[in-house]
Amino acid sequence: MTADGMRRRRLCTVCKRRFTTYEKLGAPGLKVQKRDASVESFDGEKLFQSLRRVSAHRSTVRDEDLRRVARDIEATLVDSGRKSIAWNEIVALALERLRNIDVVSAQRFAANYTDESGAVRFDEAAPASESPQLGLPLTDDE
């Protein structure tokens, strides 16, 4: 047994050669509904890589911490008992956990989901209020 799964030695029944396989337990059919309405399988490694990318220049954040966050999120999603998870739920879980490790990394992660008004948005709906007008105000006769 290794940290990432199980190592198994096998024997080919045809040529009688030995070979090694590495088996990894995956999330049982966990699907992610993405922003563009497509659906893909949950990938904890993909989540880890995105956390790693936003924490790349932070010396206080270790890969072990980020891997633990990704595993914790995956365990939380699997324990929920649902087969399909919306992308915004994963983002919310990641932001919550990342804030506990490094606030700057959490802000960099949240920047991917920030709209033009500066609010973190987890849906495709229009902003609730009008954004402030930039530039000169319009006069009544324009």
N, C-alpha and C. Protein backbone atom coordinates (compact mmCIF):
# COMPACT_ATOMS: atom_id res chain seq x y z
N MET A 1 0.84 -1.18 0.00
CA MET A 1 0.00 0.00 0.00
C MET A 1 0.89 1.24 0.00
N THR A 2 0.65 2.16 -0.93
CA THR A 2 1.39 3.42 -0.99
C THR A 2 0.46 4.55 -0.57
N ALA A 3 1.02 5.75 -0.48
CA ALA A 3 0.22 6.90 -0.05
C ALA A 3 -0.89 7.23 -1.04
N ASP A 4 -0.64 6.99 -2.32
CA ASP A 4 -1.62 7.32 -3.35
C ASP A 4 -2.50 6.15 -3.78
N GLY A 5 -2.30 4.98 -3.24
CA GLY A 5 -3.10 3.84 -3.65
C GLY A 5 -2.41 2.54 -3.32
N MET A 6 -2.74 1.50 -4.10
CA MET A 6 -2.20 0.18 -3.85
C MET A 6 -1.31 -0.26 -5.01
N ARG A 7 -0.16 -0.81 -4.68
CA ARG A 7 0.76 -1.36 -5.67
C ARG A 7 0.55 -2.86 -5.69
N ARG A 8 0.38 -3.41 -6.89
CA ARG A 8 0.12 -4.84 -7.01
C ARG A 8 0.99 -5.45 -8.10
N ARG A 9 1.65 -6.55 -7.78
CA ARG A 9 2.45 -7.30 -8.76
C ARG A 9 1.55 -8.34 -9.40
N ARG A 10 1.60 -8.42 -10.72
CA ARG A 10 0.75 -9.37 -11.45
C ARG A 10 1.59 -10.22 -12.40
N LEU A 11 0.98 -11.26 -12.89
CA LEU A 11 1.64 -12.19 -13.80
C LEU A 11 0.77 -12.34 -15.04
N CYS A 12 1.36 -12.09 -16.21
CA CYS A 12 0.63 -12.24 -17.47
C CYS A 12 0.42 -13.73 -17.73
N THR A 13 -0.80 -14.13 -17.99
CA THR A 13 -1.10 -15.56 -18.22
C THR A 13 -0.61 -16.04 -19.57
N VAL A 14 -0.37 -15.13 -20.52
CA VAL A 14 0.07 -15.52 -21.85
C VAL A 14 1.59 -15.64 -21.92
N CYS A 15 2.31 -14.57 -21.55
CA CYS A 15 3.76 -14.55 -21.72
C CYS A 15 4.51 -14.87 -20.42
N LYS A 16 3.81 -14.98 -19.31
CA LYS A 16 4.37 -15.33 -18.00
C LYS A 16 5.31 -14.26 -17.43
N ARG A 17 5.24 -13.04 -17.96
CA ARG A 17 6.05 -11.95 -17.40
C ARG A 17 5.31 -11.29 -16.25
N ARG A 18 6.12 -10.77 -15.32
CA ARG A 18 5.55 -10.05 -14.18
C ARG A 18 5.51 -8.56 -14.46
N PHE A 19 4.50 -7.89 -13.97
CA PHE A 19 4.41 -6.44 -14.12
C PHE A 19 3.70 -5.87 -12.89
N THR A 20 3.84 -4.56 -12.73
CA THR A 20 3.28 -3.88 -11.56
C THR A 20 2.14 -2.97 -11.99
N THR A 21 1.05 -3.00 -11.23
CA THR A 21 -0.03 -2.05 -11.45
C THR A 21 -0.19 -1.20 -10.20
N TYR A 22 -0.63 0.02 -10.39
CA TYR A 22 -0.91 0.93 -9.29
C TYR A 22 -2.39 1.27 -9.33
N GLU A 23 -3.09 0.92 -8.28
CA GLU A 23 -4.52 1.13 -8.23
C GLU A 23 -4.84 2.25 -7.24
N LYS A 24 -5.71 3.13 -7.68
CA LYS A 24 -6.07 4.27 -6.86
C LYS A 24 -7.58 4.30 -6.69
N LEU A 25 -8.01 4.46 -5.46
CA LEU A 25 -9.43 4.55 -5.18
C LEU A 25 -9.92 5.91 -5.59
N GLY A 26 -10.92 5.96 -6.44
CA GLY A 26 -11.44 7.23 -6.92
C GLY A 26 -12.78 7.54 -6.29
N ALA A 27 -13.23 8.74 -6.51
CA ALA A 27 -14.55 9.14 -6.03
C ALA A 27 -15.60 8.32 -6.75
N PRO A 28 -16.54 7.75 -6.03
CA PRO A 28 -17.51 6.85 -6.66
C PRO A 28 -18.53 7.59 -7.53
N GLY A 29 -18.16 7.82 -8.78
CA GLY A 29 -19.09 8.41 -9.73
C GLY A 29 -19.48 9.84 -9.45
N LEU A 30 -18.64 10.59 -8.81
CA LEU A 30 -18.94 11.98 -8.49
C LEU A 30 -18.79 12.83 -9.75
N LYS A 31 -19.85 13.55 -10.12
CA LYS A 31 -19.86 14.39 -11.32
C LYS A 31 -19.94 15.85 -10.93
N VAL A 32 -19.30 16.71 -11.75
CA VAL A 32 -19.30 18.14 -11.52
C VAL A 32 -20.05 18.82 -12.66
N GLN A 33 -21.04 19.64 -12.31
CA GLN A 33 -21.76 20.45 -13.30
C GLN A 33 -20.99 21.75 -13.44
N LYS A 34 -20.43 21.98 -14.62
CA LYS A 34 -19.58 23.13 -14.85
C LYS A 34 -20.41 24.36 -15.25
N ARG A 35 -19.75 25.52 -15.31
CA ARG A 35 -20.42 26.78 -15.65
C ARG A 35 -21.13 26.73 -16.99
N ASP A 36 -20.51 26.07 -17.96
CA ASP A 36 -21.09 26.02 -19.30
C ASP A 36 -22.12 24.90 -19.46
N ALA A 37 -22.59 24.35 -18.33
CA ALA A 37 -23.61 23.31 -18.27
C ALA A 37 -23.10 21.93 -18.69
N SER A 38 -21.82 21.80 -18.97
CA SER A 38 -21.27 20.48 -19.25
C SER A 38 -21.03 19.75 -17.93
N VAL A 39 -20.87 18.44 -18.02
CA VAL A 39 -20.68 17.60 -16.83
C VAL A 39 -19.41 16.79 -17.03
N GLU A 40 -18.57 16.75 -15.99
CA GLU A 40 -17.36 15.93 -16.05
C GLU A 40 -17.14 15.26 -14.69
N SER A 41 -16.33 14.25 -14.67
CA SER A 41 -16.02 13.55 -13.43
C SER A 41 -15.17 14.43 -12.52
N PHE A 42 -15.40 14.31 -11.21
CA PHE A 42 -14.61 15.06 -10.26
C PHE A 42 -13.18 14.55 -10.29
N ASP A 43 -12.22 15.48 -10.27
CA ASP A 43 -10.81 15.12 -10.29
C ASP A 43 -10.11 15.88 -9.18
N GLY A 44 -9.76 15.19 -8.11
CA GLY A 44 -9.09 15.81 -6.98
C GLY A 44 -7.73 16.37 -7.35
N GLU A 45 -7.07 15.75 -8.31
CA GLU A 45 -5.76 16.24 -8.76
C GLU A 45 -5.90 17.59 -9.47
N LYS A 46 -6.98 17.74 -10.23
CA LYS A 46 -7.23 19.01 -10.92
C LYS A 46 -7.49 20.12 -9.89
N LEU A 47 -8.22 19.81 -8.84
CA LEU A 47 -8.46 20.77 -7.77
C LEU A 47 -7.15 21.14 -7.08
N PHE A 48 -6.33 20.13 -6.79
CA PHE A 48 -5.03 20.39 -6.16
C PHE A 48 -4.17 21.30 -7.03
N GLN A 49 -4.14 21.04 -8.33
CA GLN A 49 -3.32 21.86 -9.24
C GLN A 49 -3.81 23.31 -9.28
N SER A 50 -5.12 23.52 -9.23
CA SER A 50 -5.61 24.91 -9.25
C SER A 50 -5.29 25.61 -7.93
N LEU A 51 -5.36 24.89 -6.81
CA LEU A 51 -4.96 25.48 -5.53
C LEU A 51 -3.47 25.78 -5.52
N ARG A 52 -2.71 24.91 -6.11
CA ARG A 52 -1.26 25.08 -6.17
C ARG A 52 -0.88 26.28 -7.04
N ARG A 53 -1.63 26.47 -8.13
CA ARG A 53 -1.35 27.57 -9.04
C ARG A 53 -1.56 28.92 -8.36
N VAL A 54 -2.63 29.06 -7.56
CA VAL A 54 -2.88 30.36 -6.91
C VAL A 54 -1.96 30.57 -5.72
N SER A 55 -1.34 29.51 -5.21
CA SER A 55 -0.44 29.62 -4.06
C SER A 55 1.02 29.50 -4.46
N ALA A 56 1.30 29.58 -5.73
CA ALA A 56 2.64 29.29 -6.24
C ALA A 56 3.73 30.16 -5.64
N HIS A 57 3.49 31.42 -5.41
CA HIS A 57 4.54 32.33 -4.95
C HIS A 57 4.43 32.62 -3.46
N ARG A 58 3.71 31.80 -2.75
CA ARG A 58 3.54 31.99 -1.31
C ARG A 58 4.40 30.96 -0.58
N SER A 59 5.40 31.43 0.13
CA SER A 59 6.33 30.51 0.81
C SER A 59 5.69 29.85 2.02
N THR A 60 4.60 30.41 2.54
CA THR A 60 3.96 29.85 3.73
C THR A 60 3.04 28.68 3.42
N VAL A 61 2.71 28.47 2.15
CA VAL A 61 1.78 27.42 1.76
C VAL A 61 2.56 26.23 1.22
N ARG A 62 2.36 25.08 1.85
CA ARG A 62 3.06 23.86 1.42
C ARG A 62 2.13 23.00 0.56
N ASP A 63 2.73 22.21 -0.32
CA ASP A 63 1.96 21.30 -1.16
C ASP A 63 1.16 20.29 -0.32
N GLU A 64 1.73 19.86 0.80
CA GLU A 64 1.03 18.90 1.66
C GLU A 64 -0.28 19.50 2.18
N ASP A 65 -0.25 20.80 2.52
CA ASP A 65 -1.46 21.47 3.00
C ASP A 65 -2.52 21.53 1.90
N LEU A 66 -2.08 21.87 0.69
CA LEU A 66 -3.02 21.97 -0.43
C LEU A 66 -3.58 20.61 -0.81
N ARG A 67 -2.74 19.58 -0.76
CA ARG A 67 -3.23 18.23 -1.05
C ARG A 67 -4.25 17.80 0.00
N ARG A 68 -3.99 18.16 1.26
CA ARG A 68 -4.93 17.83 2.33
C ARG A 68 -6.26 18.56 2.13
N VAL A 69 -6.21 19.81 1.67
CA VAL A 69 -7.43 20.57 1.39
C VAL A 69 -8.21 19.90 0.26
N ALA A 70 -7.53 19.50 -0.81
CA ALA A 70 -8.20 18.85 -1.93
C ALA A 70 -8.84 17.53 -1.49
N ARG A 71 -8.12 16.74 -0.69
CA ARG A 71 -8.68 15.47 -0.19
C ARG A 71 -9.88 15.71 0.73
N ASP A 72 -9.77 16.76 1.57
CA ASP A 72 -10.86 17.08 2.49
C ASP A 72 -12.12 17.49 1.72
N ILE A 73 -11.95 18.28 0.67
CA ILE A 73 -13.09 18.69 -0.15
C ILE A 73 -13.71 17.49 -0.83
N GLU A 74 -12.88 16.61 -1.37
CA GLU A 74 -13.39 15.40 -2.02
C GLU A 74 -14.15 14.53 -1.02
N ALA A 75 -13.61 14.37 0.19
CA ALA A 75 -14.28 13.57 1.22
C ALA A 75 -15.61 14.20 1.61
N THR A 76 -15.64 15.52 1.72
CA THR A 76 -16.89 16.21 2.06
C THR A 76 -17.94 15.99 0.99
N LEU A 77 -17.54 16.06 -0.27
CA LEU A 77 -18.47 15.87 -1.37
C LEU A 77 -18.97 14.42 -1.44
N VAL A 78 -18.08 13.48 -1.23
CA VAL A 78 -18.47 12.06 -1.25
C VAL A 78 -19.40 11.77 -0.08
N ASP A 79 -19.08 12.33 1.10
CA ASP A 79 -19.91 12.09 2.28
C ASP A 79 -21.30 12.71 2.16
N SER A 80 -21.45 13.72 1.29
CA SER A 80 -22.76 14.33 1.12
C SER A 80 -23.76 13.36 0.49
N GLY A 81 -23.25 12.32 -0.16
CA GLY A 81 -24.12 11.30 -0.73
C GLY A 81 -24.70 11.65 -2.09
N ARG A 82 -24.37 12.81 -2.60
CA ARG A 82 -24.90 13.21 -3.90
C ARG A 82 -24.00 12.70 -5.01
N LYS A 83 -24.57 12.50 -6.17
CA LYS A 83 -23.81 12.03 -7.33
C LYS A 83 -23.34 13.18 -8.21
N SER A 84 -24.02 14.34 -8.09
CA SER A 84 -23.70 15.48 -8.93
C SER A 84 -23.53 16.72 -8.05
N ILE A 85 -22.46 17.47 -8.31
CA ILE A 85 -22.11 18.64 -7.51
C ILE A 85 -21.94 19.82 -8.46
N ALA A 86 -22.48 20.99 -8.09
CA ALA A 86 -22.30 22.20 -8.90
C ALA A 86 -20.90 22.77 -8.65
N TRP A 87 -20.33 23.37 -9.67
CA TRP A 87 -18.97 23.92 -9.58
C TRP A 87 -18.86 24.96 -8.48
N ASN A 88 -19.92 25.74 -8.25
CA ASN A 88 -19.83 26.81 -7.26
C ASN A 88 -19.74 26.27 -5.84
N GLU A 89 -20.24 25.07 -5.59
CA GLU A 89 -20.10 24.46 -4.27
C GLU A 89 -18.65 24.09 -4.00
N ILE A 90 -17.96 23.61 -5.02
CA ILE A 90 -16.55 23.26 -4.87
C ILE A 90 -15.73 24.53 -4.62
N VAL A 91 -16.05 25.60 -5.34
CA VAL A 91 -15.34 26.87 -5.16
C VAL A 91 -15.55 27.39 -3.75
N ALA A 92 -16.78 27.34 -3.25
CA ALA A 92 -17.07 27.83 -1.90
C ALA A 92 -16.30 27.03 -0.85
N LEU A 93 -16.26 25.71 -1.01
CA LEU A 93 -15.51 24.86 -0.07
C LEU A 93 -14.02 25.17 -0.13
N ALA A 94 -13.51 25.36 -1.33
CA ALA A 94 -12.07 25.65 -1.49
C ALA A 94 -11.72 27.00 -0.88
N LEU A 95 -12.56 28.01 -1.10
CA LEU A 95 -12.30 29.33 -0.54
C LEU A 95 -12.31 29.29 0.99
N GLU A 96 -13.27 28.59 1.55
CA GLU A 96 -13.37 28.49 3.01
C GLU A 96 -12.11 27.87 3.60
N ARG A 97 -11.62 26.80 2.99
CA ARG A 97 -10.45 26.11 3.52
C ARG A 97 -9.16 26.88 3.22
N LEU A 98 -9.09 27.51 2.06
CA LEU A 98 -7.89 28.25 1.68
C LEU A 98 -7.70 29.49 2.55
N ARG A 99 -8.79 30.11 2.96
CA ARG A 99 -8.70 31.28 3.85
C ARG A 99 -8.04 30.92 5.17
N ASN A 100 -8.24 29.69 5.64
CA ASN A 100 -7.63 29.25 6.89
C ASN A 100 -6.13 29.03 6.76
N ILE A 101 -5.66 28.80 5.54
CA ILE A 101 -4.24 28.55 5.32
C ILE A 101 -3.51 29.83 4.95
N ASP A 102 -4.04 30.56 3.95
CA ASP A 102 -3.38 31.77 3.47
C ASP A 102 -4.41 32.69 2.82
N VAL A 103 -4.59 33.86 3.38
CA VAL A 103 -5.61 34.81 2.91
C VAL A 103 -5.29 35.31 1.50
N VAL A 104 -4.02 35.57 1.21
CA VAL A 104 -3.63 36.08 -0.11
C VAL A 104 -3.95 35.04 -1.19
N SER A 105 -3.66 33.79 -0.94
CA SER A 105 -3.98 32.73 -1.90
C SER A 105 -5.49 32.62 -2.09
N ALA A 106 -6.24 32.78 -1.02
CA ALA A 106 -7.70 32.74 -1.12
C ALA A 106 -8.21 33.90 -1.98
N GLN A 107 -7.61 35.06 -1.83
CA GLN A 107 -8.00 36.22 -2.65
C GLN A 107 -7.66 35.98 -4.12
N ARG A 108 -6.51 35.38 -4.37
CA ARG A 108 -6.13 35.07 -5.75
C ARG A 108 -7.08 34.04 -6.35
N PHE A 109 -7.50 33.06 -5.55
CA PHE A 109 -8.45 32.05 -6.01
C PHE A 109 -9.81 32.69 -6.29
N ALA A 110 -10.25 33.58 -5.39
CA ALA A 110 -11.55 34.25 -5.54
C ALA A 110 -11.55 35.18 -6.74
N ALA A 111 -10.39 35.71 -7.13
CA ALA A 111 -10.32 36.63 -8.27
C ALA A 111 -10.81 35.97 -9.55
N ASN A 112 -10.72 34.66 -9.65
CA ASN A 112 -11.22 33.94 -10.82
C ASN A 112 -12.74 34.01 -10.92
N TYR A 113 -13.41 34.34 -9.83
CA TYR A 113 -14.87 34.34 -9.77
C TYR A 113 -15.41 35.70 -9.38
N THR A 114 -14.63 36.76 -9.61
CA THR A 114 -15.01 38.12 -9.26
C THR A 114 -15.54 38.83 -10.49
N ASP A 115 -16.67 39.53 -10.34
CA ASP A 115 -17.23 40.26 -11.47
C ASP A 115 -16.70 41.69 -11.52
N GLU A 116 -17.22 42.48 -12.45
CA GLU A 116 -16.70 43.84 -12.65
C GLU A 116 -16.97 44.77 -11.47
N SER A 117 -17.94 44.44 -10.61
CA SER A 117 -18.21 45.29 -9.45
C SER A 117 -17.32 44.94 -8.26
N GLY A 118 -16.55 43.85 -8.38
CA GLY A 118 -15.64 43.45 -7.30
C GLY A 118 -16.22 42.41 -6.38
N ALA A 119 -17.45 41.97 -6.65
CA ALA A 119 -18.09 40.95 -5.81
C ALA A 119 -17.76 39.56 -6.33
N VAL A 120 -17.59 38.62 -5.41
CA VAL A 120 -17.37 37.22 -5.80
C VAL A 120 -18.71 36.64 -6.19
N ARG A 121 -18.82 36.16 -7.43
CA ARG A 121 -20.09 35.64 -7.95
C ARG A 121 -19.96 34.16 -8.22
N PHE A 122 -20.96 33.43 -7.75
CA PHE A 122 -20.99 31.99 -7.97
C PHE A 122 -22.09 31.57 -8.92
N ASP A 123 -22.67 32.51 -9.63
CA ASP A 123 -23.71 32.16 -10.59
C ASP A 123 -23.55 33.01 -11.84
N GLU A 124 -24.38 32.76 -12.82
CA GLU A 124 -24.29 33.49 -14.07
C GLU A 124 -25.28 34.65 -14.12
N ALA A 125 -26.01 34.90 -13.03
CA ALA A 125 -27.02 35.96 -13.01
C ALA A 125 -26.35 37.33 -13.08
N ALA A 126 -27.13 38.31 -13.49
CA ALA A 126 -26.62 39.69 -13.56
C ALA A 126 -26.45 40.24 -12.15
N PRO A 127 -25.59 41.22 -11.97
CA PRO A 127 -25.42 41.82 -10.65
C PRO A 127 -26.73 42.40 -10.14
N ALA A 128 -26.95 42.34 -8.82
CA ALA A 128 -28.19 42.80 -8.22
C ALA A 128 -28.36 44.30 -8.37
N SER A 129 -27.30 45.06 -8.31
CA SER A 129 -27.39 46.51 -8.43
C SER A 129 -26.57 46.98 -9.61
N GLU A 130 -26.90 48.17 -10.07
CA GLU A 130 -26.15 48.76 -11.18
C GLU A 130 -24.72 49.05 -10.74
N SER A 131 -23.77 48.84 -11.63
CA SER A 131 -22.40 49.22 -11.29
C SER A 131 -22.29 50.73 -11.44
N PRO A 132 -21.42 51.32 -10.63
CA PRO A 132 -21.27 52.77 -10.73
C PRO A 132 -20.72 53.15 -12.10
N GLN A 133 -21.23 54.28 -12.59
CA GLN A 133 -20.82 54.74 -13.92
C GLN A 133 -19.40 55.29 -13.86
N LEU A 134 -18.62 54.93 -14.84
CA LEU A 134 -17.25 55.44 -14.92
C LEU A 134 -17.23 56.65 -15.85
N GLY A 135 -16.41 57.60 -15.59
CA GLY A 135 -16.30 58.75 -16.45
C GLY A 135 -17.21 59.89 -16.00
N LEU A 136 -17.52 60.76 -16.94
CA LEU A 136 -18.34 61.92 -16.62
C LEU A 136 -19.82 61.55 -16.57
N PRO A 137 -20.58 62.19 -15.67
CA PRO A 137 -22.02 61.90 -15.63
C PRO A 137 -22.72 62.48 -16.86
N LEU A 138 -23.79 61.82 -17.29
CA LEU A 138 -24.55 62.29 -18.43
C LEU A 138 -25.47 63.43 -18.00
N THR A 139 -25.68 64.38 -18.87
CA THR A 139 -26.62 65.47 -18.57
C THR A 139 -28.00 65.07 -19.06
N ASP A 140 -29.02 65.80 -18.66
CA ASP A 140 -30.40 65.47 -19.02
C ASP A 140 -30.67 65.55 -20.51
N ASP A 141 -29.99 66.46 -21.23
CA ASP A 141 -30.26 66.62 -22.65
C ASP A 141 -29.51 65.62 -23.52
N GLU A 142 -28.76 64.72 -22.97
CA GLU A 142 -28.04 63.71 -23.78
C GLU A 142 -28.82 62.48 -23.93
